């Protein structure tokens, strides 16, 4: 099986075939420190031309604001990747710059609290605090409350998807679009989780460790796993992107199918030959640039449509 997935990896990614994400409690601190250092180093090299960046607190939640358009601009609430246990505002810095620039919008990145020190629902509550704060302080922030989108990568996409669901339930400010990349959506078994037990970027053992850190050893609350939501009608339209060789693939595809069945305008793209996190591992790769262009085009389209 391992040889099979290596053959299926795009040649540009095969040098990463042996890389693994270990979220074991005994090494989690070391993994965090290493990731934070690498992403801080990478963030310093990002070309930020055309995007103004500053940092604030929204309530008790630190945020980084990327302004890629004049006020009052459309706005994206962004939640970073990291399996609920890793990451900070540097983690997806490049992605946020790209979204602000190519989407012609303001991006507000959320430095939500991490498990296991702060288990569910801390991260979700922090994301909700920022969404509510943006809606309540739109004039000061220079954003348009009629054009709020949510976005996230991996575990951050779980938070973004839940914000969109809460908005549909009138339990959060209105959201017009959700952009979910390689989303964590469901803790339940899938064929892709069964198949990808040793894939780079993320694999089944990492998925299992992630959920234990986030919610403990008991049952997963439906509110923590957006894929468990029984009703999706009225949720904001979506772009869902995922990787072929990723244990999370099937829950992304299933969620897209359920959104469409609920009458939600949904675009789904599966990147063949890729593993989880390819856009962070190789941000200058042609496929990563294509992802960024796809996300920016989707944001421009929905923001243009909702500006009328």
Protein backbone atom coordinates (compact mmCIF):
# COMPACT_ATOMS: atom_id res chain seq x y z
CA UNK A 1 0.00 0.00 0.00
CA UNK A 2 2.78 2.44 0.89
CA UNK A 3 4.57 1.80 -2.41
CA UNK A 4 1.26 2.34 -4.17
CA UNK A 5 0.67 5.77 -2.68
CA UNK A 6 4.27 6.84 -3.42
CA UNK A 7 3.74 5.98 -7.07
CA UNK A 8 0.55 8.03 -7.03
CA UNK A 9 2.26 11.10 -5.53
CA UNK A 10 3.13 13.82 -7.99
CA UNK A 11 6.89 13.70 -8.69
CA UNK A 12 7.25 17.15 -7.11
CA UNK A 13 6.11 15.69 -3.77
CA UNK A 14 7.86 12.33 -3.73
CA UNK A 15 10.82 13.64 -1.73
CA UNK A 16 8.32 14.10 1.13
CA UNK A 17 7.08 10.49 1.04
CA UNK A 18 8.66 9.57 4.37
CA UNK A 19 7.55 12.72 6.22
CA UNK A 20 5.04 12.12 9.00
CA UNK A 21 3.06 14.29 11.41
CA UNK A 22 3.48 12.92 14.94
CA UNK A 23 0.98 14.40 17.40
CA UNK A 24 1.84 12.05 20.27
CA UNK A 25 1.63 13.85 23.64
CA UNK A 26 5.29 13.11 24.41
CA UNK A 27 6.55 15.02 21.37
CA UNK A 28 3.79 17.58 20.80
CA UNK A 29 5.72 20.45 22.37
CA UNK A 30 8.77 19.79 20.21
CA UNK A 31 6.64 19.50 17.08
CA UNK A 32 4.96 22.82 17.92
CA UNK A 33 8.23 24.64 18.47
CA UNK A 34 9.70 23.27 15.25
CA UNK A 35 6.65 24.20 13.17
CA UNK A 36 6.42 27.67 14.71
CA UNK A 37 10.07 28.38 13.93
CA UNK A 38 9.78 27.15 10.34
CA UNK A 39 6.65 29.15 9.67
CA UNK A 40 8.06 32.30 11.30
CA UNK A 41 11.13 32.01 9.06
CA UNK A 42 8.94 31.46 6.00
CA UNK A 43 6.65 34.37 6.88
CA UNK A 44 9.56 36.80 6.76
CA UNK A 45 10.19 35.87 3.12
CA UNK A 46 6.62 36.33 1.89
CA UNK A 47 6.09 39.09 -0.67
CA UNK A 48 3.39 41.27 0.88
CA UNK A 49 3.30 43.96 -1.83
CA UNK A 50 -0.18 45.45 -2.14
CA UNK A 51 -1.35 44.12 1.23
CA UNK A 52 -1.30 46.15 4.45
CA UNK A 53 -0.80 44.02 7.56
CA UNK A 54 -1.29 44.78 11.23
CA UNK A 55 -2.21 42.94 14.41
CA UNK A 56 -4.92 43.55 17.00
CA UNK A 57 -6.88 41.80 19.72
CA UNK A 58 -10.56 41.16 19.18
CA UNK A 59 -11.95 40.54 22.59
CA UNK A 60 -9.32 38.23 24.08
CA UNK A 61 -8.40 36.76 20.69
CA UNK A 62 -5.29 37.96 18.81
CA UNK A 63 -5.86 38.54 15.10
CA UNK A 64 -3.74 39.56 12.12
CA UNK A 65 -5.46 41.79 9.58
CA UNK A 66 -4.49 41.73 5.90
CA UNK A 67 -5.99 44.59 3.86
CA UNK A 68 -5.99 43.94 0.15
CA UNK A 69 -8.73 46.39 -0.85
CA UNK A 70 -9.99 49.86 0.00
CA UNK A 71 -12.61 50.31 2.71
CA UNK A 72 -15.33 49.29 3.03
CA UNK A 73 -14.03 45.98 1.71
CA UNK A 74 -15.39 42.45 1.77
CA UNK A 75 -13.86 40.43 4.59
CA UNK A 76 -12.77 36.85 5.20
CA UNK A 77 -12.50 35.36 8.69
CA UNK A 78 -9.62 32.88 8.38
CA UNK A 79 -8.75 29.96 10.69
CA UNK A 80 -5.30 28.39 10.30
CA UNK A 81 -4.37 24.75 9.94
CA UNK A 82 -2.72 22.64 12.64
CA UNK A 83 -4.91 19.72 13.76
CA UNK A 84 -6.40 21.89 16.55
CA UNK A 85 -3.07 21.56 18.43
CA UNK A 86 -0.47 23.36 16.29
CA UNK A 87 0.00 26.76 14.73
CA UNK A 88 -0.39 30.50 15.20
CA UNK A 89 -0.74 33.60 13.04
CA UNK A 90 2.39 32.70 11.04
CA UNK A 91 1.12 29.24 10.08
CA UNK A 92 -0.88 30.25 7.01
CA UNK A 93 0.57 33.73 6.58
CA UNK A 94 1.33 33.21 2.91
CA UNK A 95 -2.19 31.90 2.25
CA UNK A 96 -3.74 34.93 3.94
CA UNK A 97 -1.63 37.32 1.87
CA UNK A 98 -2.70 35.50 -1.28
CA UNK A 99 -6.39 35.58 -0.31
CA UNK A 100 -6.28 39.30 0.48
CA UNK A 101 -4.44 40.12 -2.73
CA UNK A 102 -6.20 37.79 -5.16
CA UNK A 103 -9.61 38.02 -3.50
CA UNK A 104 -9.54 41.82 -3.32
CA UNK A 105 -10.59 41.78 0.31
CA UNK A 106 -9.59 42.08 3.95
CA UNK A 107 -8.55 38.85 5.67
CA UNK A 108 -8.70 38.57 9.44
CA UNK A 109 -6.68 35.59 10.68
CA UNK A 110 -7.66 34.12 14.05
CA UNK A 111 -5.06 33.03 16.62
CA UNK A 112 -7.45 30.63 18.34
CA UNK A 113 -6.55 28.67 21.47
CA UNK A 114 -5.03 25.24 20.97
CA UNK A 115 -5.85 21.83 22.37
CA UNK A 116 -5.11 19.84 24.47
CA UNK A 117 -4.52 22.72 26.89
CA UNK A 118 -7.71 24.36 25.58
CA UNK A 119 -9.94 21.57 24.24
CA UNK A 120 -13.22 21.93 22.39
CA UNK A 121 -15.06 24.31 22.35
CA UNK A 122 -12.28 26.88 22.96
CA UNK A 123 -11.15 27.17 19.33
CA UNK A 124 -14.71 27.37 18.05
CA UNK A 125 -15.57 30.01 20.65
CA UNK A 126 -12.56 32.11 19.65
CA UNK A 127 -13.54 31.95 15.98
CA UNK A 128 -17.09 32.95 16.89
CA UNK A 129 -15.76 35.86 18.97
CA UNK A 130 -13.88 37.18 15.96
CA UNK A 131 -16.79 36.75 13.55
CA UNK A 132 -19.11 38.57 15.95
CA UNK A 133 -16.50 41.25 16.64
CA UNK A 134 -16.00 41.92 12.95
CA UNK A 135 -19.74 42.37 12.42
CA UNK A 136 -20.04 44.67 15.43
CA UNK A 137 -17.00 46.81 14.57
CA UNK A 138 -17.29 46.90 10.78
CA UNK A 139 -16.96 50.68 10.44
CA UNK A 140 -13.83 50.83 12.56
CA UNK A 141 -12.34 47.90 10.64
CA UNK A 142 -13.35 49.27 7.25
CA UNK A 143 -15.26 46.17 6.17
CA UNK A 144 -18.67 45.46 4.66
CA UNK A 145 -20.94 43.36 6.88
CA UNK A 146 -22.94 42.33 3.82
CA UNK A 147 -19.89 40.54 2.41
CA UNK A 148 -18.45 38.36 5.18
CA UNK A 149 -16.91 35.03 4.21
CA UNK A 150 -15.23 32.36 6.31
CA UNK A 151 -12.22 30.30 5.33
CA UNK A 152 -9.83 27.79 6.79
CA UNK A 153 -7.39 25.01 6.15
CA UNK A 154 -7.53 21.54 7.72
CA UNK A 155 -8.68 21.92 11.35
CA UNK A 156 -9.22 25.61 10.67
CA UNK A 157 -11.69 24.64 7.97
CA UNK A 158 -13.71 22.76 10.61
CA UNK A 159 -14.03 26.01 12.53
CA UNK A 160 -14.94 27.94 9.38
CA UNK A 161 -17.56 25.36 8.38
CA UNK A 162 -19.11 25.52 11.84
CA UNK A 163 -19.27 29.33 11.65
CA UNK A 164 -21.16 29.02 8.36
CA UNK A 165 -23.57 26.55 9.95
CA UNK A 166 -24.16 28.86 12.94
CA UNK A 167 -24.83 31.74 10.56
CA UNK A 168 -27.45 29.63 8.77
CA UNK A 169 -29.03 28.89 12.14
CA UNK A 170 -29.15 32.64 12.97
CA UNK A 171 -26.72 31.96 15.81
CA UNK A 172 -23.98 34.08 14.23
CA UNK A 173 -23.71 37.08 11.87
CA UNK A 174 -24.62 36.32 8.24
CA UNK A 175 -21.97 34.65 6.09
CA UNK A 176 -22.09 34.73 2.28
CA UNK A 177 -19.39 32.17 1.43
CA UNK A 178 -17.23 29.43 2.91
CA UNK A 179 -13.83 28.45 1.57
CA UNK A 180 -12.70 25.10 2.99
CA UNK A 181 -9.29 23.66 2.09
CA UNK A 182 -8.50 20.05 3.03
CA UNK A 183 -11.13 20.32 5.74
CA UNK A 184 -11.43 18.36 8.96
CA UNK A 185 -15.17 17.69 9.05
CA UNK A 186 -15.97 14.31 10.57
CA UNK A 187 -14.42 11.99 13.12
CA UNK A 188 -16.16 8.89 11.78
CA UNK A 189 -14.43 6.20 9.65
CA UNK A 190 -14.09 6.64 5.89
CA UNK A 191 -12.39 4.60 3.16
CA UNK A 192 -9.68 7.26 2.76
CA UNK A 193 -8.86 7.07 6.48
CA UNK A 194 -8.61 3.31 6.16
CA UNK A 195 -6.39 3.58 3.09
CA UNK A 196 -3.96 6.36 4.01
CA UNK A 197 -2.27 5.09 7.15
CA UNK A 198 1.23 6.35 6.27
CA UNK A 199 0.92 9.33 3.94
CA UNK A 200 3.03 12.52 4.14
CA UNK A 201 1.51 15.66 5.57
CA UNK A 202 -1.17 13.78 7.49
CA UNK A 203 -2.14 10.15 8.01
CA UNK A 204 -4.68 8.08 9.93
CA UNK A 205 -2.70 7.92 13.21
CA UNK A 206 -2.40 11.72 13.17
CA UNK A 207 -6.15 12.04 12.56
CA UNK A 208 -6.88 9.82 15.55
CA UNK A 209 -4.45 11.74 17.78
CA UNK A 210 -5.96 15.04 16.64
CA UNK A 211 -9.47 14.10 17.73
CA UNK A 212 -8.26 12.76 21.09
CA UNK A 213 -6.44 16.02 21.80
CA UNK A 214 -9.45 18.09 20.75
CA UNK A 215 -12.33 16.31 22.48
CA UNK A 216 -10.77 13.62 24.69
CA UNK A 217 -11.49 9.91 24.56
CA UNK A 218 -15.28 10.16 24.76
CA UNK A 219 -17.77 10.63 21.98
CA UNK A 220 -17.30 13.59 19.65
CA UNK A 221 -20.01 16.24 20.05
CA UNK A 222 -21.89 16.91 16.83
CA UNK A 223 -21.06 20.60 17.23
CA UNK A 224 -17.33 19.78 17.03
CA UNK A 225 -17.59 17.89 13.73
CA UNK A 226 -19.43 19.88 11.03
CA UNK A 227 -19.98 16.73 8.98
CA UNK A 228 -22.29 15.43 11.69
CA UNK A 229 -24.76 18.31 11.20
CA UNK A 230 -28.12 16.79 10.23
CA UNK A 231 -29.30 19.77 8.17
CA UNK A 232 -27.27 21.89 5.73
CA UNK A 233 -29.93 23.83 3.83
CA UNK A 234 -29.40 27.57 3.98
CA UNK A 235 -25.66 27.30 4.61
CA UNK A 236 -23.46 29.70 2.62
CA UNK A 237 -22.20 28.64 -0.80
CA UNK A 238 -18.85 26.90 -0.79
CA UNK A 239 -15.57 26.12 -2.49
CA UNK A 240 -14.12 22.89 -1.09
CA UNK A 241 -10.64 21.81 -2.15
CA UNK A 242 -8.84 18.67 -1.05
CA UNK A 243 -6.03 16.26 -1.87
CA UNK A 244 -6.32 12.85 -3.45
CA UNK A 245 -3.85 11.12 -1.08
CA UNK A 246 -5.23 12.41 2.21
CA UNK A 247 -7.14 10.57 4.95
CA UNK A 248 -9.47 13.60 5.09
CA UNK A 249 -10.38 13.37 1.40
CA UNK A 250 -13.63 11.44 1.69
CA UNK A 251 -15.19 13.63 4.37
CA UNK A 252 -14.54 16.67 2.16
CA UNK A 253 -16.13 14.99 -0.85
CA UNK A 254 -19.08 13.77 1.23
CA UNK A 255 -19.67 17.21 2.73
CA UNK A 256 -19.65 18.79 -0.73
CA UNK A 257 -22.17 16.20 -1.91
CA UNK A 258 -24.43 16.84 1.09
CA UNK A 259 -24.27 20.61 0.52
CA UNK A 260 -25.33 20.15 -3.09
CA UNK A 261 -28.14 17.83 -2.08
CA UNK A 262 -29.29 20.56 0.34
CA UNK A 263 -29.44 23.08 -2.51
CA UNK A 264 -26.24 24.91 -1.58
CA UNK A 265 -24.13 26.14 -4.51
CA UNK A 266 -20.92 24.18 -4.07
CA UNK A 267 -17.71 23.78 -6.05
CA UNK A 268 -15.47 20.81 -5.27
CA UNK A 269 -11.94 20.27 -6.53
CA UNK A 270 -9.75 17.26 -5.71
CA UNK A 271 -6.08 17.86 -6.56
CA UNK A 272 -4.71 14.58 -7.97
CA UNK A 273 -1.35 13.30 -6.82
CA UNK A 274 -1.22 15.61 -3.82
CA UNK A 275 -0.95 15.01 -0.08
CA UNK A 276 -2.32 16.99 2.83
CA UNK A 277 -0.67 20.40 3.19
CA UNK A 278 0.92 20.50 -0.25
CA UNK A 279 0.31 24.23 -0.52
CA UNK A 280 2.26 24.85 2.69
CA UNK A 281 4.99 22.34 1.90
CA UNK A 282 5.56 23.71 -1.64
CA UNK A 283 3.89 27.14 -1.84
CA UNK A 284 5.68 28.13 -5.04
CA UNK A 285 4.70 24.92 -6.85
CA UNK A 286 2.48 25.35 -9.88
CA UNK A 287 -0.33 23.34 -8.26
CA UNK A 288 -0.20 25.48 -5.12
CA UNK A 289 -0.37 28.64 -7.20
CA UNK A 290 -3.35 27.18 -9.04
CA UNK A 291 -5.07 26.60 -5.70
CA UNK A 292 -4.47 30.20 -4.63
CA UNK A 293 -5.79 31.47 -7.96
CA UNK A 294 -8.88 29.27 -7.65
CA UNK A 295 -9.58 30.54 -4.14
CA UNK A 296 -9.07 34.16 -5.13
CA UNK A 297 -11.34 33.82 -8.15
CA UNK A 298 -14.08 32.25 -6.02
CA UNK A 299 -13.90 35.11 -3.52
CA UNK A 300 -13.94 37.77 -6.24
CA UNK A 301 -16.96 36.16 -7.85
CA UNK A 302 -19.07 35.94 -4.70
CA UNK A 303 -18.04 39.38 -3.44
CA UNK A 304 -18.86 40.93 -6.80
CA UNK A 305 -22.26 39.24 -6.84
CA UNK A 306 -23.10 40.39 -3.31
CA UNK A 307 -21.99 43.99 -3.86
CA UNK A 308 -25.02 44.75 -6.01
